[in-house]
């Protein structure tokens, strides 16, 4: 990275202060569903439904032992759980990738700053880790150890 900008929109002095909405209809829907599922009102609604089901069991012949009474709740909760696992995982995957991209961008900017300040040995430390999230676990562990050693060295230099 030579510090030149290919696109004037990458210049923070000219770029819009508010990022544009890049979401598709489906990703926005998944994000809203994830946010709604974890919201306080939804927790209250879920607790209320369980309470209604528990109280209703007192008035059904056979009570909680009745298969006809247990089946609808069991089926609905299984389906909701199955769907929410994928909705939440999708949301977490997108959040993770977006956060990693932001960290990589910060590392690139810091590498340019290090180079401009004559700290070229730190530039390599910053740029070598871009894309590390896709590496095998043992490689991540190895890089983590290198970074921790380097941080310890830098801390003891000053």
N, C-alpha and C. Protein backbone atom coordinates (compact mmCIF):
# COMPACT_ATOMS: atom_id res chain seq x y z
N UNK A 1 0.84 -1.17 0.00
CA UNK A 1 0.00 0.00 0.00
C UNK A 1 0.89 1.23 0.00
N UNK A 2 0.74 2.09 -1.00
CA UNK A 2 1.63 3.22 -1.11
C UNK A 2 1.03 4.51 -0.56
N UNK A 3 -0.13 4.43 0.02
CA UNK A 3 -0.73 5.60 0.65
C UNK A 3 -1.57 6.42 -0.32
N UNK A 4 -1.53 6.12 -1.63
CA UNK A 4 -2.35 6.85 -2.60
C UNK A 4 -3.75 6.29 -2.57
N UNK A 5 -4.69 7.16 -2.82
CA UNK A 5 -6.09 6.73 -2.83
C UNK A 5 -6.57 6.60 -4.26
N UNK A 6 -7.16 5.44 -4.58
CA UNK A 6 -7.67 5.22 -5.92
C UNK A 6 -9.00 5.93 -6.12
N UNK A 7 -9.78 6.04 -5.08
CA UNK A 7 -11.12 6.59 -5.18
C UNK A 7 -11.25 7.75 -4.20
N UNK A 8 -11.65 8.93 -4.68
CA UNK A 8 -11.76 10.07 -3.77
C UNK A 8 -12.76 9.84 -2.64
N UNK A 9 -13.69 8.89 -2.84
CA UNK A 9 -14.66 8.61 -1.77
C UNK A 9 -14.00 7.93 -0.58
N UNK A 10 -12.79 7.37 -0.77
CA UNK A 10 -12.06 6.75 0.33
C UNK A 10 -11.41 7.78 1.24
N UNK A 11 -11.37 9.02 0.78
CA UNK A 11 -10.78 10.10 1.56
C UNK A 11 -11.77 10.51 2.64
N UNK A 12 -11.42 10.38 3.92
CA UNK A 12 -12.37 10.70 4.98
C UNK A 12 -12.79 12.16 5.00
N UNK A 13 -12.00 13.02 4.37
CA UNK A 13 -12.37 14.45 4.33
C UNK A 13 -13.48 14.71 3.33
N UNK A 14 -13.65 13.81 2.35
CA UNK A 14 -14.67 14.02 1.33
C UNK A 14 -15.82 13.03 1.44
N UNK A 15 -15.57 11.90 2.05
CA UNK A 15 -16.58 10.84 2.14
C UNK A 15 -17.77 11.29 2.99
N UNK A 16 -18.92 10.72 2.70
CA UNK A 16 -20.12 11.03 3.47
C UNK A 16 -19.94 10.59 4.91
N UNK A 17 -20.47 11.37 5.84
CA UNK A 17 -20.33 11.05 7.26
C UNK A 17 -21.18 9.84 7.63
N UNK A 18 -22.26 9.62 6.91
CA UNK A 18 -23.15 8.50 7.20
C UNK A 18 -23.00 7.48 6.08
N UNK A 19 -22.65 6.24 6.41
CA UNK A 19 -22.48 5.24 5.36
C UNK A 19 -23.81 4.93 4.68
N UNK A 20 -23.73 4.61 3.39
CA UNK A 20 -24.96 4.28 2.66
C UNK A 20 -25.47 2.90 3.09
N UNK A 21 -26.75 2.69 2.93
CA UNK A 21 -27.35 1.40 3.27
C UNK A 21 -27.02 0.42 2.16
N UNK A 22 -26.26 -0.62 2.48
CA UNK A 22 -25.86 -1.61 1.49
C UNK A 22 -26.67 -2.88 1.60
N UNK A 23 -27.59 -2.93 2.54
CA UNK A 23 -28.35 -4.15 2.78
C UNK A 23 -29.35 -4.45 1.68
N UNK A 24 -29.57 -5.72 1.48
CA UNK A 24 -30.63 -6.15 0.58
C UNK A 24 -31.90 -6.31 1.41
N UNK A 25 -32.99 -6.51 0.76
CA UNK A 25 -34.26 -6.67 1.47
C UNK A 25 -34.18 -7.85 2.44
N UNK A 26 -33.58 -8.95 2.00
CA UNK A 26 -33.52 -10.14 2.85
C UNK A 26 -32.59 -9.93 4.04
N UNK A 27 -31.42 -9.27 3.83
CA UNK A 27 -30.51 -9.06 4.95
C UNK A 27 -31.10 -8.08 5.96
N UNK A 28 -31.82 -7.08 5.46
CA UNK A 28 -32.48 -6.15 6.40
C UNK A 28 -33.57 -6.87 7.17
N UNK A 29 -34.31 -7.78 6.50
CA UNK A 29 -35.36 -8.54 7.18
C UNK A 29 -34.75 -9.45 8.24
N UNK A 30 -33.65 -10.12 7.91
CA UNK A 30 -32.98 -11.00 8.88
C UNK A 30 -32.47 -10.19 10.06
N UNK A 31 -31.90 -9.03 9.80
CA UNK A 31 -31.40 -8.18 10.89
C UNK A 31 -32.55 -7.72 11.79
N UNK A 32 -33.66 -7.34 11.18
CA UNK A 32 -34.82 -6.92 11.99
C UNK A 32 -35.37 -8.09 12.79
N UNK A 33 -35.43 -9.29 12.18
CA UNK A 33 -35.94 -10.47 12.89
C UNK A 33 -35.04 -10.82 14.07
N UNK A 34 -33.73 -10.73 13.86
CA UNK A 34 -32.79 -11.02 14.93
C UNK A 34 -32.94 -10.02 16.06
N UNK A 35 -33.03 -8.75 15.70
CA UNK A 35 -33.20 -7.70 16.72
C UNK A 35 -34.51 -7.87 17.47
N UNK A 36 -35.57 -8.18 16.73
CA UNK A 36 -36.88 -8.36 17.36
C UNK A 36 -36.89 -9.57 18.29
N UNK A 37 -36.27 -10.66 17.86
CA UNK A 37 -36.27 -11.89 18.66
C UNK A 37 -35.55 -11.69 19.99
N UNK A 38 -34.56 -10.84 20.02
CA UNK A 38 -33.81 -10.61 21.25
C UNK A 38 -34.26 -9.40 22.04
N UNK A 39 -35.36 -8.80 21.61
CA UNK A 39 -35.82 -7.58 22.29
C UNK A 39 -36.58 -7.91 23.58
N UNK A 40 -36.61 -6.96 24.47
CA UNK A 40 -37.31 -7.14 25.75
C UNK A 40 -38.81 -7.44 25.54
N UNK A 41 -39.52 -6.72 24.66
CA UNK A 41 -40.94 -7.06 24.45
C UNK A 41 -41.15 -8.50 23.98
N UNK A 42 -40.25 -9.01 23.14
CA UNK A 42 -40.40 -10.39 22.66
C UNK A 42 -40.18 -11.39 23.79
N UNK A 43 -39.27 -11.08 24.69
CA UNK A 43 -39.04 -11.95 25.84
C UNK A 43 -40.29 -11.98 26.72
N UNK A 44 -40.90 -10.82 26.92
CA UNK A 44 -42.14 -10.73 27.71
C UNK A 44 -43.25 -11.51 27.02
N UNK A 45 -43.37 -11.38 25.71
CA UNK A 45 -44.41 -12.11 24.96
C UNK A 45 -44.19 -13.62 25.09
N UNK A 46 -42.94 -14.06 24.95
CA UNK A 46 -42.64 -15.49 25.07
C UNK A 46 -42.97 -16.00 26.47
N UNK A 47 -42.61 -15.23 27.50
CA UNK A 47 -42.91 -15.63 28.87
C UNK A 47 -44.43 -15.67 29.08
N UNK A 48 -45.14 -14.70 28.52
CA UNK A 48 -46.60 -14.67 28.65
C UNK A 48 -47.23 -15.88 27.96
N UNK A 49 -46.73 -16.25 26.78
CA UNK A 49 -47.27 -17.42 26.08
C UNK A 49 -47.04 -18.70 26.88
N UNK A 50 -45.88 -18.83 27.47
CA UNK A 50 -45.60 -20.00 28.30
C UNK A 50 -46.53 -20.02 29.51
N UNK A 51 -46.74 -18.87 30.12
CA UNK A 51 -47.63 -18.77 31.27
C UNK A 51 -49.07 -19.14 30.88
N UNK A 52 -49.53 -18.63 29.73
CA UNK A 52 -50.88 -18.97 29.25
C UNK A 52 -50.97 -20.47 29.00
N UNK A 53 -49.93 -21.05 28.41
CA UNK A 53 -49.94 -22.49 28.15
C UNK A 53 -49.97 -23.27 29.46
N UNK A 54 -49.19 -22.84 30.44
CA UNK A 54 -49.19 -23.53 31.74
C UNK A 54 -50.54 -23.45 32.42
N UNK A 55 -51.14 -22.28 32.43
CA UNK A 55 -52.46 -22.11 33.06
C UNK A 55 -53.51 -22.90 32.29
N UNK A 56 -53.42 -22.88 30.96
CA UNK A 56 -54.38 -23.62 30.14
C UNK A 56 -54.34 -25.11 30.40
N UNK A 57 -53.20 -25.63 30.77
CA UNK A 57 -53.06 -27.05 31.06
C UNK A 57 -53.89 -27.49 32.25
N UNK A 58 -54.21 -26.54 33.12
CA UNK A 58 -55.04 -26.87 34.29
C UNK A 58 -56.48 -27.14 33.90
N UNK A 59 -56.90 -26.64 32.73
CA UNK A 59 -58.30 -26.74 32.33
C UNK A 59 -58.54 -27.76 31.21
N UNK A 60 -57.51 -28.47 30.81
CA UNK A 60 -57.62 -29.45 29.73
C UNK A 60 -57.72 -30.85 30.35
N UNK A 61 -58.61 -31.68 29.77
CA UNK A 61 -58.74 -33.04 30.27
C UNK A 61 -57.42 -33.77 30.06
N UNK A 62 -56.89 -34.35 31.08
CA UNK A 62 -55.60 -35.02 31.03
C UNK A 62 -54.46 -34.08 31.38
N UNK A 63 -54.72 -32.80 31.43
CA UNK A 63 -53.72 -31.81 31.82
C UNK A 63 -52.48 -31.85 30.95
N UNK A 64 -51.35 -31.73 31.60
CA UNK A 64 -50.07 -31.67 30.87
C UNK A 64 -49.69 -33.02 30.28
N UNK A 65 -50.34 -34.09 30.74
CA UNK A 65 -50.05 -35.42 30.20
C UNK A 65 -50.72 -35.65 28.86
N UNK A 66 -51.64 -34.77 28.48
CA UNK A 66 -52.37 -34.91 27.23
C UNK A 66 -51.45 -34.63 26.04
N UNK A 67 -51.30 -35.61 25.18
CA UNK A 67 -50.46 -35.46 23.98
C UNK A 67 -51.00 -34.36 23.08
N UNK A 68 -52.32 -34.28 22.98
CA UNK A 68 -52.95 -33.27 22.13
C UNK A 68 -52.62 -31.86 22.65
N UNK A 69 -52.41 -31.72 23.94
CA UNK A 69 -52.09 -30.41 24.52
C UNK A 69 -50.61 -30.08 24.35
N UNK A 70 -49.76 -31.08 24.43
CA UNK A 70 -48.31 -30.85 24.34
C UNK A 70 -47.83 -30.71 22.89
N UNK A 71 -48.46 -31.39 21.96
CA UNK A 71 -47.99 -31.42 20.58
C UNK A 71 -47.89 -30.04 19.91
N UNK A 72 -48.92 -29.20 19.96
CA UNK A 72 -48.79 -27.89 19.28
C UNK A 72 -47.64 -27.04 19.83
N UNK A 73 -47.49 -26.99 21.14
CA UNK A 73 -46.42 -26.19 21.73
C UNK A 73 -45.07 -26.77 21.36
N UNK A 74 -44.94 -28.06 21.41
CA UNK A 74 -43.68 -28.71 21.05
C UNK A 74 -43.32 -28.47 19.59
N UNK A 75 -44.30 -28.59 18.72
CA UNK A 75 -44.07 -28.40 17.29
C UNK A 75 -43.67 -26.96 16.99
N UNK A 76 -44.42 -26.01 17.53
CA UNK A 76 -44.13 -24.59 17.28
C UNK A 76 -42.75 -24.22 17.83
N UNK A 77 -42.44 -24.66 19.03
CA UNK A 77 -41.15 -24.29 19.60
C UNK A 77 -39.99 -24.93 18.82
N UNK A 78 -40.18 -26.14 18.31
CA UNK A 78 -39.14 -26.78 17.50
C UNK A 78 -38.91 -26.02 16.20
N UNK A 79 -39.99 -25.64 15.54
CA UNK A 79 -39.87 -24.92 14.27
C UNK A 79 -39.23 -23.55 14.48
N UNK A 80 -39.67 -22.82 15.50
CA UNK A 80 -39.10 -21.50 15.77
C UNK A 80 -37.62 -21.62 16.12
N UNK A 81 -37.27 -22.59 16.93
CA UNK A 81 -35.87 -22.79 17.30
C UNK A 81 -35.03 -23.12 16.07
N UNK A 82 -35.52 -24.00 15.22
CA UNK A 82 -34.80 -24.39 14.01
C UNK A 82 -34.55 -23.18 13.12
N UNK A 83 -35.56 -22.37 12.89
CA UNK A 83 -35.41 -21.19 12.04
C UNK A 83 -34.49 -20.15 12.67
N UNK A 84 -34.63 -19.91 13.97
CA UNK A 84 -33.84 -18.88 14.63
C UNK A 84 -32.36 -19.21 14.67
N UNK A 85 -32.02 -20.49 14.72
CA UNK A 85 -30.60 -20.87 14.69
C UNK A 85 -29.96 -20.33 13.41
N UNK A 86 -30.62 -20.50 12.28
CA UNK A 86 -30.06 -20.05 11.01
C UNK A 86 -30.13 -18.54 10.85
N UNK A 87 -31.19 -17.93 11.33
CA UNK A 87 -31.31 -16.47 11.25
C UNK A 87 -30.21 -15.81 12.08
N UNK A 88 -30.02 -16.29 13.30
CA UNK A 88 -29.01 -15.71 14.18
C UNK A 88 -27.60 -15.99 13.64
N UNK A 89 -27.35 -17.19 13.15
CA UNK A 89 -26.03 -17.50 12.59
C UNK A 89 -25.73 -16.63 11.39
N UNK A 90 -26.70 -16.43 10.53
CA UNK A 90 -26.51 -15.56 9.36
C UNK A 90 -26.16 -14.14 9.79
N UNK A 91 -26.88 -13.65 10.77
CA UNK A 91 -26.63 -12.30 11.28
C UNK A 91 -25.23 -12.19 11.89
N UNK A 92 -24.84 -13.19 12.67
CA UNK A 92 -23.51 -13.17 13.28
C UNK A 92 -22.41 -13.28 12.24
N UNK A 93 -22.62 -14.08 11.21
CA UNK A 93 -21.62 -14.21 10.15
C UNK A 93 -21.40 -12.87 9.45
N UNK A 94 -22.50 -12.19 9.11
CA UNK A 94 -22.38 -10.89 8.45
C UNK A 94 -21.71 -9.88 9.35
N UNK A 95 -22.11 -9.84 10.63
CA UNK A 95 -21.49 -8.92 11.58
C UNK A 95 -20.00 -9.18 11.71
N UNK A 96 -19.64 -10.45 11.78
CA UNK A 96 -18.23 -10.83 11.92
C UNK A 96 -17.42 -10.40 10.71
N UNK A 97 -17.93 -10.67 9.52
CA UNK A 97 -17.21 -10.29 8.30
C UNK A 97 -17.08 -8.78 8.19
N UNK A 98 -18.14 -8.06 8.52
CA UNK A 98 -18.08 -6.60 8.45
C UNK A 98 -17.08 -6.05 9.45
N UNK A 99 -17.09 -6.57 10.66
CA UNK A 99 -16.15 -6.12 11.68
C UNK A 99 -14.72 -6.44 11.27
N UNK A 100 -14.49 -7.63 10.72
CA UNK A 100 -13.14 -8.00 10.29
C UNK A 100 -12.66 -7.09 9.18
N UNK A 101 -13.54 -6.72 8.26
CA UNK A 101 -13.18 -5.82 7.18
C UNK A 101 -12.80 -4.45 7.73
N UNK A 102 -13.53 -3.99 8.73
CA UNK A 102 -13.20 -2.70 9.36
C UNK A 102 -11.85 -2.77 10.05
N UNK A 103 -11.58 -3.86 10.74
CA UNK A 103 -10.29 -4.03 11.42
C UNK A 103 -9.16 -4.06 10.38
N UNK A 104 -9.37 -4.77 9.27
CA UNK A 104 -8.35 -4.82 8.21
C UNK A 104 -8.10 -3.42 7.64
N UNK A 105 -9.16 -2.64 7.46
CA UNK A 105 -9.00 -1.27 6.95
C UNK A 105 -8.21 -0.41 7.94
N UNK A 106 -8.50 -0.55 9.22
CA UNK A 106 -7.76 0.19 10.24
C UNK A 106 -6.30 -0.22 10.24
N UNK A 107 -6.03 -1.52 10.10
CA UNK A 107 -4.66 -2.00 10.06
C UNK A 107 -3.92 -1.43 8.85
N UNK A 108 -4.62 -1.35 7.72
CA UNK A 108 -3.99 -0.80 6.51
C UNK A 108 -3.63 0.67 6.71
N UNK A 109 -4.53 1.43 7.30
CA UNK A 109 -4.26 2.85 7.56
C UNK A 109 -3.12 2.99 8.55
N UNK A 110 -3.12 2.18 9.59
CA UNK A 110 -2.03 2.24 10.57
C UNK A 110 -0.70 1.85 9.93
N UNK A 111 -0.72 0.90 8.98
CA UNK A 111 0.51 0.51 8.28
C UNK A 111 1.06 1.68 7.48
N UNK A 112 0.18 2.41 6.81
CA UNK A 112 0.61 3.59 6.06
C UNK A 112 1.21 4.63 7.01
N UNK A 113 0.53 4.84 8.13
CA UNK A 113 1.03 5.81 9.12
C UNK A 113 2.38 5.36 9.68
N UNK A 114 2.54 4.07 9.94
CA UNK A 114 3.81 3.56 10.46
C UNK A 114 4.92 3.77 9.45
N UNK A 115 4.60 3.52 8.18
CA UNK A 115 5.60 3.71 7.12
C UNK A 115 6.00 5.17 7.02
N UNK A 116 5.03 6.07 7.08
CA UNK A 116 5.31 7.51 7.01
C UNK A 116 6.13 8.00 8.21
N UNK A 117 5.99 7.33 9.34
CA UNK A 117 6.73 7.71 10.54
C UNK A 117 8.07 6.98 10.65
N UNK A 118 8.39 6.17 9.65
CA UNK A 118 9.66 5.45 9.68
C UNK A 118 9.64 4.23 10.59
N UNK A 119 8.48 3.69 10.80
CA UNK A 119 8.34 2.50 11.66
C UNK A 119 7.99 1.29 10.81
N UNK A 120 8.81 1.03 9.81
CA UNK A 120 8.50 -0.01 8.81
C UNK A 120 8.36 -1.40 9.42
N UNK A 121 9.07 -1.69 10.51
CA UNK A 121 8.95 -3.02 11.10
C UNK A 121 7.55 -3.25 11.67
N UNK A 122 6.88 -2.20 12.07
CA UNK A 122 5.51 -2.34 12.57
C UNK A 122 4.50 -2.48 11.43
N UNK A 123 4.84 -1.93 10.27
CA UNK A 123 3.95 -2.03 9.11
C UNK A 123 3.70 -3.50 8.77
N UNK A 124 4.75 -4.31 8.77
CA UNK A 124 4.61 -5.73 8.45
C UNK A 124 3.71 -6.42 9.47
N UNK A 125 3.87 -6.08 10.72
CA UNK A 125 3.04 -6.69 11.77
C UNK A 125 1.57 -6.38 11.53
N UNK A 126 1.28 -5.17 11.07
CA UNK A 126 -0.11 -4.77 10.83
C UNK A 126 -0.70 -5.44 9.60
N UNK A 127 0.05 -5.47 8.51
CA UNK A 127 -0.53 -5.95 7.25
C UNK A 127 -0.54 -7.46 7.12
N UNK A 128 0.34 -8.16 7.78
CA UNK A 128 0.43 -9.61 7.62
C UNK A 128 -0.79 -10.33 8.17
N UNK A 129 -1.57 -9.68 9.02
CA UNK A 129 -2.69 -10.35 9.65
C UNK A 129 -4.01 -10.21 8.89
N UNK A 130 -4.02 -9.40 7.83
CA UNK A 130 -5.25 -9.24 7.05
C UNK A 130 -5.66 -10.60 6.49
N UNK A 131 -6.90 -10.99 6.68
CA UNK A 131 -7.41 -12.25 6.19
C UNK A 131 -7.12 -13.44 7.09
N UNK A 132 -6.54 -13.19 8.26
CA UNK A 132 -6.17 -14.29 9.16
C UNK A 132 -7.39 -15.11 9.61
N UNK A 133 -8.57 -14.49 9.62
CA UNK A 133 -9.77 -15.21 10.08
C UNK A 133 -10.09 -16.42 9.21
N UNK A 134 -9.54 -16.48 7.99
CA UNK A 134 -9.79 -17.62 7.10
C UNK A 134 -8.74 -18.72 7.25
N UNK A 135 -7.73 -18.49 8.06
CA UNK A 135 -6.63 -19.46 8.22
C UNK A 135 -7.05 -20.60 9.15
N UNK A 136 -6.32 -21.72 9.08
CA UNK A 136 -6.59 -22.83 10.02
C UNK A 136 -6.29 -22.40 11.46
N UNK A 137 -6.87 -23.09 12.38
CA UNK A 137 -6.76 -22.75 13.80
C UNK A 137 -5.31 -22.69 14.28
N UNK A 138 -4.48 -23.66 13.86
CA UNK A 138 -3.08 -23.67 14.32
C UNK A 138 -2.31 -22.44 13.82
N UNK A 139 -2.65 -21.97 12.62
CA UNK A 139 -1.98 -20.77 12.09
C UNK A 139 -2.42 -19.52 12.86
N UNK A 140 -3.69 -19.46 13.21
CA UNK A 140 -4.18 -18.33 14.02
C UNK A 140 -3.48 -18.33 15.37
N UNK A 141 -3.37 -19.50 15.99
CA UNK A 141 -2.68 -19.60 17.28
C UNK A 141 -1.23 -19.14 17.16
N UNK A 142 -0.55 -19.56 16.07
CA UNK A 142 0.84 -19.18 15.85
C UNK A 142 0.97 -17.66 15.70
N UNK A 143 0.11 -17.06 14.89
CA UNK A 143 0.15 -15.61 14.67
C UNK A 143 -0.17 -14.86 15.97
N UNK A 144 -1.10 -15.39 16.73
CA UNK A 144 -1.46 -14.75 18.00
C UNK A 144 -0.25 -14.73 18.93
N UNK A 145 0.49 -15.81 18.94
CA UNK A 145 1.69 -15.87 19.79
C UNK A 145 2.74 -14.86 19.32
N UNK A 146 2.93 -14.74 18.01
CA UNK A 146 3.88 -13.76 17.46
C UNK A 146 3.48 -12.35 17.86
N UNK A 147 2.20 -12.03 17.70
CA UNK A 147 1.72 -10.68 18.04
C UNK A 147 1.90 -10.41 19.53
N UNK A 148 1.57 -11.38 20.36
CA UNK A 148 1.72 -11.17 21.81
C UNK A 148 3.18 -10.95 22.19
N UNK A 149 4.09 -11.72 21.58
CA UNK A 149 5.52 -11.51 21.84
C UNK A 149 5.96 -10.12 21.40
N UNK A 150 5.50 -9.71 20.21
CA UNK A 150 5.87 -8.38 19.68
C UNK A 150 5.31 -7.27 20.55
N UNK A 151 4.08 -7.41 21.00
CA UNK A 151 3.48 -6.42 21.89
C UNK A 151 4.27 -6.33 23.19
N UNK A 152 4.68 -7.47 23.70
CA UNK A 152 5.49 -7.49 24.93
C UNK A 152 6.83 -6.79 24.69
N UNK A 153 7.46 -7.04 23.54
CA UNK A 153 8.73 -6.38 23.21
C UNK A 153 8.56 -4.87 23.13
N UNK A 154 7.50 -4.43 22.41
CA UNK A 154 7.25 -3.00 22.25
C UNK A 154 6.97 -2.35 23.60
N UNK A 155 6.24 -3.05 24.44
CA UNK A 155 5.91 -2.49 25.76
C UNK A 155 7.16 -2.32 26.61
N UNK A 156 8.11 -3.22 26.47
CA UNK A 156 9.33 -3.13 27.28
C UNK A 156 10.37 -2.20 26.67
N UNK A 157 10.20 -1.82 25.38
CA UNK A 157 11.12 -0.87 24.75
C UNK A 157 10.90 0.55 25.27
N UNK A 158 9.65 0.86 25.57
CA UNK A 158 9.35 2.25 25.97
C UNK A 158 9.39 2.48 27.43
